Amino acid sequence: MNSITKNEFTNPIEKKNNLIGLVLCGGKSSRMQADKAFIQYNQLPQAYHLFNQISLLCYQVFLSCNQSQVKRIEAQYPIIIDDVKYENKGPICAILSALEIHKNTSFLVLACDYPLLTFDDILKLKTVWENGDSSVSFYNNETNFREPLLAIYHQNDLEKLVQFYNEGNTSLQYFLNEINAKKINAKSNKSLTSIDTKEAFEKTYNLLNNL
């Protein structure tokens, strides 16, 4: 993927609104046997690469991480640490932890598992969110599943997310179905491929670096 400079995309920068970006780093990465936030497909660890891309689109961006990752993250990257009261609850922890700090905002949520997602895909996600009043997620029409870790959670829906969690629910995909969030397609379903193993990483790395 080509690097992006701020001069290439003026409109996204002008329309930041109240969107906060969350790069999700806090997964266990057990199948990869390495922290997916810090493996490199491009010139930087994936978490930093995503941070730089969505900084063009968001009012603020944070790396959402667990306590064990804090010392490894470079000082120039702002972080939100998973709140202990949401520990072991899955990715919903990242959004709820951010919501403890940042009210009246929407969250662009991107996990580090999807290196084939393009900047144009992310820009489309933001554009659809700007032109509506609901949450938006990518949808894979081959698997018939939403991608809750490639989504924007609209501020109008975040109180519902808190209530959803307080009722004992943790599945973000189920939540997006419950609120009937808008579904959009990426340029290709391949962009929605989660890379979770060493073998998949090597294949994807070779693909991206031989384009």
Protein backbone atom coordinates (compact mmCIF):
# COMPACT_ATOMS: atom_id res chain seq x y z
CA MET A 1 0.00 0.00 0.00
CA ASN A 2 1.20 3.46 -0.78
CA SER A 3 1.87 5.86 2.02
CA ILE A 4 -0.57 8.74 2.45
CA THR A 5 0.40 12.37 2.91
CA LYS A 6 -1.89 15.02 4.33
CA ASN A 7 -1.70 17.02 1.11
CA GLU A 8 -3.36 14.20 -0.85
CA PHE A 9 -6.67 14.32 1.04
CA THR A 10 -7.87 17.76 1.97
CA ASN A 11 -11.60 17.11 2.37
CA PRO A 12 -11.28 14.36 4.99
CA ILE A 13 -9.09 16.61 7.11
CA GLU A 14 -11.52 19.51 6.88
CA LYS A 15 -14.45 17.33 8.00
CA LYS A 16 -13.06 15.73 11.14
CA ASN A 17 -16.19 16.49 13.19
CA ASN A 18 -16.18 14.69 16.55
CA LEU A 19 -14.82 11.36 15.31
CA ILE A 20 -12.26 9.65 17.54
CA GLY A 21 -10.15 6.85 16.10
CA LEU A 22 -9.41 3.72 18.14
CA VAL A 23 -6.73 1.38 16.84
CA LEU A 24 -7.38 -1.88 18.68
CA CYS A 25 -4.15 -3.42 19.91
CA GLY A 26 -5.30 -5.36 22.96
CA GLY A 27 -5.98 -8.83 21.54
CA LYS A 28 -4.06 -11.87 22.78
CA SER A 29 -2.59 -12.75 19.33
CA SER A 30 -2.25 -16.36 20.47
CA ARG A 31 -2.48 -17.93 17.00
CA MET A 32 0.00 -15.44 15.53
CA GLN A 33 2.43 -16.14 18.39
CA ALA A 34 3.46 -12.49 18.15
CA ASP A 35 1.68 -9.27 19.02
CA LYS A 36 -0.29 -8.32 15.89
CA ALA A 37 -0.13 -4.65 16.83
CA PHE A 38 3.64 -4.61 16.34
CA ILE A 39 4.20 -6.83 13.32
CA GLN A 40 5.14 -4.92 10.18
CA TYR A 41 3.53 -5.15 6.77
CA ASN A 42 4.71 -1.69 5.79
CA GLN A 43 7.45 0.57 7.13
CA LEU A 44 5.99 0.68 10.65
CA PRO A 45 4.35 -1.65 13.17
CA GLN A 46 0.75 -2.14 12.08
CA ALA A 47 -0.70 -0.17 15.00
CA TYR A 48 1.41 2.88 14.11
CA HIS A 49 0.62 2.51 10.41
CA LEU A 50 -3.12 2.57 11.12
CA PHE A 51 -2.70 5.45 13.57
CA ASN A 52 -1.01 7.56 10.89
CA GLN A 53 -3.65 6.75 8.28
CA ILE A 54 -6.70 7.59 10.36
CA SER A 55 -5.08 10.66 11.87
CA LEU A 56 -5.99 12.21 8.52
CA LEU A 57 -9.66 11.55 9.19
CA CYS A 58 -10.26 11.88 12.93
CA TYR A 59 -10.34 14.64 15.49
CA GLN A 60 -8.15 12.48 17.75
CA VAL A 61 -6.67 8.99 17.50
CA PHE A 62 -5.64 6.60 20.27
CA LEU A 63 -4.06 3.19 20.45
CA SER A 64 -6.38 1.05 22.56
CA CYS A 65 -4.16 -1.34 24.49
CA ASN A 66 -3.93 -3.59 27.51
CA GLN A 67 -1.67 -2.90 30.46
CA SER A 68 1.03 -5.32 29.28
CA GLN A 69 1.52 -3.36 26.05
CA VAL A 70 2.00 0.09 27.56
CA LYS A 71 5.79 0.01 27.92
CA ARG A 72 6.19 -1.15 24.33
CA ILE A 73 4.26 1.74 22.76
CA GLU A 74 6.32 4.75 21.71
CA ALA A 75 5.62 7.94 23.62
CA GLN A 76 4.31 9.95 20.63
CA TYR A 77 1.28 7.66 20.28
CA PRO A 78 -1.57 8.50 22.70
CA ILE A 79 -3.11 5.47 24.37
CA ILE A 80 -6.27 4.38 26.15
CA ILE A 81 -5.64 1.45 28.45
CA ASP A 82 -8.34 -1.20 28.86
CA ASP A 83 -10.30 -0.48 32.04
CA VAL A 84 -9.87 -3.36 34.47
CA LYS A 85 -13.62 -3.63 35.01
CA TYR A 86 -14.03 -4.69 31.36
CA GLU A 87 -11.11 -7.13 31.29
CA ASN A 88 -11.57 -10.44 29.44
CA LYS A 89 -14.76 -9.23 27.78
CA GLY A 90 -13.35 -9.05 24.25
CA PRO A 91 -13.18 -6.04 21.92
CA ILE A 92 -16.17 -4.33 23.51
CA CYS A 93 -13.71 -3.50 26.30
CA ALA A 94 -11.89 -1.02 24.04
CA ILE A 95 -15.00 1.00 23.21
CA LEU A 96 -16.36 1.02 26.74
CA SER A 97 -12.96 2.04 28.13
CA ALA A 98 -12.76 4.92 25.64
CA LEU A 99 -16.32 5.93 26.47
CA GLU A 100 -15.35 6.33 30.12
CA ILE A 101 -13.06 9.18 29.01
CA HIS A 102 -14.63 10.61 25.85
CA LYS A 103 -18.34 11.44 25.87
CA ASN A 104 -20.54 12.78 23.07
CA THR A 105 -18.37 11.43 20.32
CA SER A 106 -18.34 8.66 17.74
CA PHE A 107 -15.60 6.03 17.50
CA LEU A 108 -13.89 4.77 14.37
CA VAL A 109 -12.76 1.29 15.42
CA LEU A 110 -10.04 -0.54 13.48
CA ALA A 111 -8.31 -3.71 14.60
CA CYS A 112 -4.72 -4.49 13.62
CA ASP A 113 -5.74 -7.83 12.05
CA TYR A 114 -6.80 -6.41 8.66
CA PRO A 115 -3.74 -5.21 6.72
CA LEU A 116 -5.49 -5.56 3.34
CA LEU A 117 -8.04 -2.87 4.19
CA THR A 118 -7.26 0.16 2.04
CA PHE A 119 -7.33 3.84 2.89
CA ASP A 120 -10.11 4.26 0.33
CA ASP A 121 -12.17 1.69 2.24
CA ILE A 122 -11.66 3.60 5.50
CA LEU A 123 -12.53 6.86 3.77
CA LYS A 124 -15.76 5.31 2.48
CA LEU A 125 -16.65 4.21 6.01
CA LYS A 126 -16.19 7.75 7.29
CA THR A 127 -18.13 9.31 4.41
CA VAL A 128 -21.14 7.04 4.99
CA TRP A 129 -21.06 7.85 8.72
CA GLU A 130 -20.90 11.60 8.02
CA ASN A 131 -23.96 11.41 5.79
CA GLY A 132 -26.11 9.50 8.28
CA ASP A 133 -27.04 9.31 11.94
CA SER A 134 -26.27 5.70 12.78
CA SER A 135 -23.39 3.29 13.26
CA VAL A 136 -21.77 1.82 10.15
CA SER A 137 -19.79 -1.36 9.61
CA PHE A 138 -18.26 -3.26 6.76
CA TYR A 139 -20.19 -6.35 5.70
CA ASN A 140 -18.77 -9.44 4.04
CA ASN A 141 -21.40 -10.67 1.60
CA GLU A 142 -19.61 -14.00 1.20
CA THR A 143 -19.71 -14.92 4.88
CA ASN A 144 -22.85 -12.86 5.63
CA PHE A 145 -21.17 -11.37 8.68
CA ARG A 146 -20.64 -7.81 9.77
CA GLU A 147 -17.10 -6.72 10.64
CA PRO A 148 -17.54 -5.07 14.08
CA LEU A 149 -13.82 -4.28 14.33
CA LEU A 150 -13.98 -2.31 11.08
CA ALA A 151 -16.78 0.05 12.01
CA ILE A 152 -17.85 3.45 13.25
CA TYR A 153 -19.95 3.44 16.39
CA HIS A 154 -22.15 6.52 16.24
CA GLN A 155 -22.56 8.57 19.39
CA ASN A 156 -26.33 8.08 19.10
CA ASP A 157 -25.81 4.35 19.72
CA LEU A 158 -23.22 4.35 22.49
CA GLU A 159 -25.72 4.64 25.36
CA LYS A 160 -27.37 1.56 23.87
CA LEU A 161 -23.98 -0.18 23.90
CA VAL A 162 -23.60 0.50 27.63
CA GLN A 163 -27.08 -0.86 28.28
CA PHE A 164 -26.33 -3.85 26.04
CA TYR A 165 -23.21 -4.60 28.10
CA ASN A 166 -25.00 -4.09 31.43
CA GLU A 167 -27.52 -6.71 30.34
CA GLY A 168 -24.69 -9.25 30.09
CA ASN A 169 -23.92 -9.03 26.37
CA THR A 170 -20.45 -8.62 24.87
CA SER A 171 -20.74 -9.48 21.16
CA LEU A 172 -20.25 -6.37 19.03
CA GLN A 173 -21.57 -8.16 15.97
CA TYR A 174 -24.77 -8.99 17.82
CA PHE A 175 -24.99 -5.36 18.97
CA LEU A 176 -24.66 -4.02 15.42
CA ASN A 177 -27.40 -6.41 14.32
CA GLU A 178 -29.61 -5.32 17.21
CA ILE A 179 -29.37 -1.63 16.34
CA ASN A 180 -29.59 -2.34 12.60
CA ALA A 181 -26.35 -0.51 11.87
CA LYS A 182 -25.74 0.41 8.26
CA LYS A 183 -23.82 -2.19 6.25
CA ILE A 184 -21.34 -1.27 3.53
CA ASN A 185 -19.08 -3.27 1.26
CA ALA A 186 -15.33 -2.87 0.89
CA LYS A 187 -13.79 -2.71 -2.59
CA SER A 188 -13.07 -6.41 -2.20
CA ASN A 189 -13.99 -9.00 0.41
CA LYS A 190 -10.27 -9.79 0.54
CA SER A 191 -9.85 -6.44 2.31
CA LEU A 192 -11.88 -7.90 5.18
CA THR A 193 -9.57 -10.87 5.72
CA SER A 194 -8.33 -11.22 9.29
CA ILE A 195 -4.67 -12.26 9.40
CA ASP A 196 -4.21 -14.40 12.50
CA THR A 197 -1.42 -16.91 11.86
CA LYS A 198 2.28 -16.81 10.97
CA GLU A 199 1.57 -18.48 7.65
CA ALA A 200 -1.11 -15.94 6.75
CA PHE A 201 1.20 -13.11 7.81
CA GLU A 202 4.02 -14.31 5.54
CA LYS A 203 1.67 -14.69 2.58
CA THR A 204 0.11 -11.26 3.14
CA TYR A 205 3.48 -9.58 3.72
CA ASN A 206 4.78 -10.95 0.41
CA LEU A 207 1.59 -9.84 -1.35
CA LEU A 208 1.77 -6.26 -0.03
CA ASN A 209 5.48 -5.90 -0.69
CA ASN A 210 5.38 -7.19 -4.23
CA LEU A 211 2.59 -4.97 -5.51
